[in-house]
Amino acid sequence: MPAPASRTALLLAFAAIYLIWGSTYLAIRVAVTTMPPFLAAGARFLIAGAIVAAWLAVTRGFRPTLRQWRDNTFAGLLMLVGGNSIVMWAEQRIPSGITTLIISCSPLFMVMIDWAALKLSPPGSGRGSRPSVPTLIGLGLGFGGLVLLIGGGGASEVPLDYWRTVGILLGCVSWSLGSLFSRYNRDPAEPLTAATLQMLCGGALMVVIGVILGEQRGFDLATISVHSWLAWGYLIAAGSLVAYPSYVWLLKHSTPARVSTYAYVNPVVAVFLGWLLLREPVSSRTLLAAGIIIAAVAIITTQKSRLAAKKA
């Protein structure tokens, strides 16, 4: 098990995945207006991974083992390709409000899968944890807050594409599986190295998907707007170089239930940025939902999950 992290480090890491990932909704929307989504996402993670790998090589060496390459390729496949790519495909037909609501199921999937890992793993394996009753209450409260936050937009009246709805759910499951695989990996790389390997391998796989889908046909760099370039640069600098390594680090130093609370906070941040930057109205319903979500996060983050040493 890793050494206990300082409170300051934990707060900074949570701030990164709460605030930065919340802001990427706006950045992605601007970037993909003139960029092909899979190629842009793949290049984003490849560039970020290469930057961190070069920094590690110069400062302390970057020599991951073959097993670490293999394991983090698998984690990157689940999290970045299975999670992000499926959701991107699904959002071509599913309204963004419904998509966000479905993605809010991620904490529930992560806690349930983590609990299943506890039940299925041999005693003393260190895998899995049993959530406390307050944690389960907090998860339900957070989900209810998101229903309140998104439910007023009329998105529920739009007919849903069945297969793409299932695709979003599968993407959430894939992200949760990859997160827990990364957490309980028996031969773990140091968190920053692990994040680098996942970004390199996941980014490469996204580029392959983009090429298979033919996104390169007729694509011209000259058609990309300045706003898209700036948004894409922000996704690399903040989303990939800061927030994603923070998330991988938190998987080693916090509980899955706490880490997964980003799925509740990100929509609140997105709504606030929409009000601040796009002058979108914020209703009393939105403020009430935000208060419920913040209360849910407070409940979850102040609880300690019982670890696998105690039999379920």
Protein backbone atom coordinates (compact mmCIF):
# COMPACT_ATOMS: atom_id res chain seq x y z
CA MET A 1 0.00 0.00 0.00
CA PRO A 2 1.30 3.52 -0.73
CA ALA A 3 2.37 5.80 2.08
CA PRO A 4 -0.41 8.05 3.42
CA ALA A 5 -0.76 11.25 1.44
CA SER A 6 -0.80 14.68 3.02
CA ARG A 7 -4.10 16.48 3.41
CA THR A 8 -2.84 19.32 1.21
CA ALA A 9 -1.92 16.94 -1.61
CA LEU A 10 -5.32 15.27 -1.42
CA LEU A 11 -7.14 18.61 -1.49
CA LEU A 12 -5.14 19.82 -4.50
CA ALA A 13 -5.71 16.57 -6.39
CA PHE A 14 -9.45 16.62 -5.70
CA ALA A 15 -9.58 20.29 -6.72
CA ALA A 16 -7.95 19.33 -10.03
CA ILE A 17 -10.46 16.62 -10.94
CA TYR A 18 -13.40 18.66 -9.63
CA LEU A 19 -12.63 22.02 -11.24
CA ILE A 20 -10.54 21.17 -14.30
CA TRP A 21 -12.62 18.23 -15.47
CA GLY A 22 -15.74 20.32 -14.86
CA SER A 23 -14.34 22.98 -17.19
CA THR A 24 -13.46 20.51 -19.95
CA TYR A 25 -17.13 20.25 -20.99
CA LEU A 26 -16.87 23.77 -22.37
CA ALA A 27 -13.38 23.22 -23.83
CA ILE A 28 -14.38 20.02 -25.63
CA ARG A 29 -17.46 21.70 -27.10
CA VAL A 30 -15.29 24.48 -28.53
CA ALA A 31 -12.54 22.13 -29.75
CA VAL A 32 -14.72 19.70 -31.69
CA THR A 33 -16.49 22.44 -33.63
CA THR A 34 -13.60 22.36 -36.13
CA MET A 35 -11.59 19.29 -35.04
CA PRO A 36 -12.32 15.58 -35.67
CA PRO A 37 -13.13 14.22 -32.19
CA PHE A 38 -11.21 10.94 -32.06
CA LEU A 39 -8.07 12.25 -33.73
CA ALA A 40 -8.15 15.36 -31.53
CA ALA A 41 -8.61 13.30 -28.36
CA GLY A 42 -5.92 10.81 -29.35
CA ALA A 43 -3.42 13.52 -30.24
CA ARG A 44 -4.26 15.31 -26.98
CA PHE A 45 -3.31 12.31 -24.85
CA LEU A 46 -0.33 11.33 -27.00
CA ILE A 47 1.18 14.82 -26.71
CA ALA A 48 0.51 15.02 -22.97
CA GLY A 49 1.95 11.54 -22.42
CA ALA A 50 5.06 12.38 -24.44
CA ILE A 51 5.62 15.60 -22.47
CA VAL A 52 5.39 13.83 -19.10
CA ALA A 53 7.53 10.90 -20.33
CA ALA A 54 10.25 13.32 -21.47
CA TRP A 55 10.12 15.16 -18.14
CA LEU A 56 10.35 11.89 -16.19
CA ALA A 57 13.25 10.70 -18.36
CA VAL A 58 15.23 13.87 -17.68
CA THR A 59 14.45 14.24 -13.97
CA ARG A 60 14.36 10.70 -12.57
CA GLY A 61 14.35 8.22 -15.40
CA PHE A 62 11.51 6.67 -17.34
CA ARG A 63 12.05 2.92 -17.43
CA PRO A 64 8.73 1.10 -17.02
CA THR A 65 8.84 -2.68 -17.15
CA LEU A 66 7.17 -4.68 -19.91
CA ARG A 67 4.52 -5.76 -17.42
CA GLN A 68 3.82 -2.14 -16.51
CA TRP A 69 3.47 -1.28 -20.20
CA ARG A 70 1.06 -4.18 -20.62
CA ASP A 71 -1.02 -3.42 -17.54
CA ASN A 72 -1.29 0.31 -18.20
CA THR A 73 -2.13 -0.29 -21.86
CA PHE A 74 -5.05 -2.35 -20.59
CA ALA A 75 -6.03 0.39 -18.11
CA GLY A 76 -5.78 3.03 -20.85
CA LEU A 77 -7.91 0.86 -23.12
CA LEU A 78 -10.64 0.63 -20.49
CA MET A 79 -10.53 4.23 -19.24
CA LEU A 80 -9.57 6.42 -22.19
CA VAL A 81 -10.78 4.32 -25.12
CA GLY A 82 -13.65 2.33 -23.60
CA GLY A 83 -14.76 5.21 -21.40
CA ASN A 84 -14.21 8.35 -23.47
CA SER A 85 -14.58 6.98 -26.99
CA ILE A 86 -17.88 5.18 -26.42
CA VAL A 87 -19.35 8.27 -24.78
CA MET A 88 -18.17 10.45 -27.69
CA TRP A 89 -19.82 8.06 -30.15
CA ALA A 90 -23.05 8.00 -28.14
CA GLU A 91 -23.30 11.78 -27.83
CA GLN A 92 -23.84 12.07 -31.57
CA ARG A 93 -27.48 11.09 -30.92
CA ILE A 94 -28.06 11.39 -27.16
CA PRO A 95 -28.84 14.85 -25.67
CA SER A 96 -26.02 16.21 -23.53
CA GLY A 97 -28.26 16.51 -20.45
CA ILE A 98 -29.26 12.86 -20.60
CA THR A 99 -25.65 11.89 -21.31
CA THR A 100 -24.47 13.74 -18.20
CA LEU A 101 -27.19 12.12 -16.13
CA ILE A 102 -26.24 8.64 -17.33
CA ILE A 103 -22.55 9.34 -16.67
CA SER A 104 -23.49 10.27 -13.11
CA CYS A 105 -24.04 6.55 -12.57
CA SER A 106 -20.24 6.11 -12.60
CA PRO A 107 -19.84 6.41 -8.80
CA LEU A 108 -22.50 3.75 -8.31
CA PHE A 109 -20.76 1.41 -10.75
CA MET A 110 -17.38 2.03 -9.14
CA VAL A 111 -18.61 1.34 -5.62
CA MET A 112 -20.52 -1.78 -6.71
CA ILE A 113 -17.59 -3.18 -8.70
CA ASP A 114 -15.22 -2.42 -5.83
CA TRP A 115 -17.56 -4.20 -3.42
CA ALA A 116 -17.77 -7.17 -5.80
CA ALA A 117 -13.96 -7.27 -5.92
CA LEU A 118 -13.93 -7.56 -2.13
CA LYS A 119 -16.36 -10.47 -2.20
CA LEU A 120 -14.63 -12.31 -5.06
CA SER A 121 -11.00 -11.79 -3.99
CA PRO A 122 -9.15 -14.07 -1.56
CA PRO A 123 -8.97 -12.79 2.03
CA GLY A 124 -5.97 -10.56 2.58
CA SER A 125 -5.55 -9.77 -1.13
CA GLY A 126 -6.06 -6.05 -0.47
CA ARG A 127 -8.59 -5.80 -3.28
CA GLY A 128 -12.00 -4.25 -2.89
CA SER A 129 -13.71 -2.32 -0.13
CA ARG A 130 -17.13 -2.31 1.48
CA PRO A 131 -18.81 1.11 1.51
CA SER A 132 -20.33 2.35 4.73
CA VAL A 133 -24.05 3.07 4.97
CA PRO A 134 -23.43 6.86 4.97
CA THR A 135 -21.37 6.46 1.79
CA LEU A 136 -24.26 4.66 0.08
CA ILE A 137 -26.63 7.37 1.30
CA GLY A 138 -24.28 10.03 -0.08
CA LEU A 139 -24.13 8.29 -3.47
CA GLY A 140 -27.91 8.16 -3.67
CA LEU A 141 -28.20 11.78 -2.57
CA GLY A 142 -25.69 12.89 -5.20
CA PHE A 143 -27.53 11.01 -7.92
CA GLY A 144 -30.78 12.63 -6.81
CA GLY A 145 -29.15 16.05 -6.95
CA LEU A 146 -28.07 15.42 -10.52
CA VAL A 147 -31.57 14.32 -11.48
CA LEU A 148 -32.81 17.64 -10.08
CA LEU A 149 -30.04 19.57 -11.84
CA ILE A 150 -30.61 18.10 -15.30
CA GLY A 151 -34.27 17.13 -15.10
CA GLY A 152 -35.64 20.61 -15.76
CA GLY A 153 -34.21 20.97 -19.24
CA GLY A 154 -36.81 18.94 -21.10
CA ALA A 155 -34.22 16.45 -22.32
CA SER A 156 -36.28 13.59 -21.00
CA GLU A 157 -38.90 14.31 -23.69
CA VAL A 158 -36.44 13.51 -26.50
CA PRO A 159 -36.60 9.89 -27.76
CA LEU A 160 -33.40 8.09 -26.85
CA ASP A 161 -31.29 5.95 -29.14
CA TYR A 162 -31.34 2.62 -27.31
CA TRP A 163 -27.93 1.35 -28.41
CA ARG A 164 -26.17 4.64 -27.74
CA THR A 165 -27.77 4.84 -24.31
CA VAL A 166 -26.45 1.36 -23.60
CA GLY A 167 -23.11 2.53 -25.01
CA ILE A 168 -22.85 5.33 -22.45
CA LEU A 169 -23.59 2.89 -19.62
CA LEU A 170 -20.95 0.50 -20.97
CA GLY A 171 -18.53 3.42 -21.15
CA CYS A 172 -19.18 4.17 -17.47
CA VAL A 173 -18.60 0.52 -16.57
CA SER A 174 -15.41 0.46 -18.66
CA TRP A 175 -14.07 3.60 -16.95
CA SER A 176 -14.88 2.17 -13.51
CA LEU A 177 -13.22 -1.17 -14.33
CA GLY A 178 -10.12 0.59 -15.63
CA SER A 179 -9.95 2.82 -12.56
CA LEU A 180 -10.15 -0.12 -10.16
CA PHE A 181 -7.73 -2.19 -12.24
CA SER A 182 -5.26 0.69 -11.99
CA ARG A 183 -5.84 0.95 -8.24
CA TYR A 184 -5.32 -2.74 -7.45
CA ASN A 185 -2.60 -3.54 -9.98
CA ARG A 186 -0.14 -5.96 -8.34
CA ASP A 187 2.92 -4.54 -10.11
CA PRO A 188 2.02 -0.86 -10.06
CA ALA A 189 4.05 1.82 -11.70
CA GLU A 190 4.49 5.04 -9.77
CA PRO A 191 1.22 7.01 -10.33
CA LEU A 192 2.70 9.63 -12.66
CA THR A 193 4.42 6.92 -14.71
CA ALA A 194 1.18 4.92 -14.81
CA ALA A 195 -0.78 7.96 -16.02
CA THR A 196 1.87 8.58 -18.69
CA LEU A 197 1.70 5.02 -19.99
CA GLN A 198 -2.10 5.13 -20.04
CA MET A 199 -2.12 8.42 -21.96
CA LEU A 200 0.44 7.20 -24.50
CA CYS A 201 -1.27 3.87 -25.15
CA GLY A 202 -4.84 5.14 -24.86
CA GLY A 203 -4.06 8.11 -27.10
CA ALA A 204 -2.50 5.87 -29.75
CA LEU A 205 -5.54 3.61 -29.74
CA MET A 206 -7.85 6.63 -30.11
CA VAL A 207 -5.88 7.79 -33.16
CA VAL A 208 -6.22 4.31 -34.66
CA ILE A 209 -9.99 4.45 -34.09
CA GLY A 210 -10.14 7.88 -35.73
CA VAL A 211 -8.25 6.61 -38.78
CA ILE A 212 -10.49 3.53 -39.02
CA LEU A 213 -13.52 5.82 -38.94
CA GLY A 214 -11.99 7.92 -41.72
CA GLU A 215 -11.71 11.19 -39.77
CA GLN A 216 -8.53 12.04 -41.68
CA ARG A 217 -10.33 12.15 -45.04
CA GLY A 218 -10.68 15.72 -46.20
CA PHE A 219 -9.22 17.04 -42.94
CA ASP A 220 -7.23 20.26 -43.28
CA LEU A 221 -5.35 21.92 -40.41
CA ALA A 222 -6.11 25.30 -41.97
CA THR A 223 -9.81 24.82 -41.23
CA ILE A 224 -9.26 24.64 -37.46
CA SER A 225 -10.32 27.85 -35.73
CA VAL A 226 -8.20 29.76 -33.23
CA HIS A 227 -10.78 29.05 -30.53
CA SER A 228 -10.56 25.31 -31.19
CA TRP A 229 -6.76 25.42 -31.01
CA LEU A 230 -6.91 27.28 -27.69
CA ALA A 231 -9.50 24.88 -26.27
CA TRP A 232 -7.48 21.87 -27.43
CA GLY A 233 -4.35 23.34 -25.85
CA TYR A 234 -6.25 23.80 -22.59
CA LEU A 235 -7.38 20.17 -22.71
CA ILE A 236 -3.75 19.09 -23.05
CA ALA A 237 -2.30 21.42 -20.42
CA ALA A 238 -5.01 21.23 -17.78
CA GLY A 239 -7.13 18.19 -18.55
CA SER A 240 -4.35 15.75 -19.48
CA LEU A 241 -1.19 17.08 -17.81
CA VAL A 242 -2.80 18.05 -14.48
CA ALA A 243 -6.21 16.47 -13.92
CA TYR A 244 -5.66 12.98 -15.34
CA PRO A 245 -2.41 12.28 -13.39
CA SER A 246 -4.18 13.67 -10.30
CA TYR A 247 -6.99 11.16 -10.83
CA VAL A 248 -4.59 8.22 -11.21
CA TRP A 249 -2.73 9.37 -8.08
CA LEU A 250 -5.98 9.60 -6.11
CA LEU A 251 -6.85 6.03 -7.09
CA LYS A 252 -3.82 4.97 -5.04
CA HIS A 253 -4.33 7.34 -2.10
CA SER A 254 -8.10 7.58 -1.59
CA THR A 255 -11.15 5.33 -1.73
CA PRO A 256 -13.06 4.62 -4.97
CA ALA A 257 -16.21 6.15 -3.47
CA ARG A 258 -14.44 9.44 -2.73
CA VAL A 259 -12.60 9.61 -6.03
CA SER A 260 -15.77 8.93 -8.01
CA THR A 261 -17.47 12.02 -6.56
CA TYR A 262 -15.99 14.02 -9.46
CA ALA A 263 -18.96 12.74 -11.52
CA TYR A 264 -21.29 14.71 -9.23
CA VAL A 265 -19.22 17.88 -8.97
CA ASN A 266 -18.27 18.29 -12.64
CA PRO A 267 -21.82 19.14 -13.82
CA VAL A 268 -22.09 21.80 -11.10
CA VAL A 269 -18.83 23.35 -12.31
CA ALA A 270 -20.06 23.15 -15.90
CA VAL A 271 -23.29 24.97 -15.00
CA PHE A 272 -21.35 27.69 -13.16
CA LEU A 273 -18.97 28.20 -16.10
CA GLY A 274 -21.93 28.37 -18.46
CA TRP A 275 -23.35 31.17 -16.31
CA LEU A 276 -20.00 32.95 -15.96
CA LEU A 277 -18.72 32.70 -19.54
CA LEU A 278 -21.84 32.19 -21.66
CA ARG A 279 -24.30 34.12 -19.48
CA GLU A 280 -26.58 31.08 -19.23
CA PRO A 281 -29.30 31.59 -16.57
CA VAL A 282 -28.99 29.80 -13.21
CA SER A 283 -32.34 29.02 -11.62
CA SER A 284 -33.26 28.39 -8.00
CA ARG A 285 -33.68 24.73 -8.99
CA THR A 286 -30.05 24.68 -10.13
CA LEU A 287 -28.85 26.26 -6.88
CA LEU A 288 -30.86 23.72 -4.84
CA ALA A 289 -29.44 20.83 -6.86
CA ALA A 290 -25.90 22.18 -6.43
CA GLY A 291 -26.44 22.36 -2.66
CA ILE A 292 -27.64 18.75 -2.57
CA ILE A 293 -24.65 17.60 -4.61
CA ILE A 294 -22.20 19.45 -2.38
CA ALA A 295 -23.84 17.89 0.69
CA ALA A 296 -23.54 14.44 -0.90
CA VAL A 297 -19.85 14.97 -1.60
CA ALA A 298 -19.32 16.13 1.99
CA ILE A 299 -20.95 12.93 3.28
CA ILE A 300 -18.89 10.67 1.03
CA THR A 301 -15.54 12.37 1.56
CA THR A 302 -15.86 12.25 5.35
CA GLN A 303 -16.50 8.52 5.42
CA LYS A 304 -13.94 5.76 5.46
CA SER A 305 -14.72 2.63 3.47
CA ARG A 306 -13.95 -0.65 5.23
CA LEU A 307 -11.22 -2.39 3.30
CA ALA A 308 -10.96 -5.95 2.09
CA ALA A 309 -9.26 -7.22 5.22
CA LYS A 310 -12.71 -7.42 6.73
CA LYS A 311 -14.86 -10.10 5.14
CA ALA A 312 -18.03 -8.89 3.45
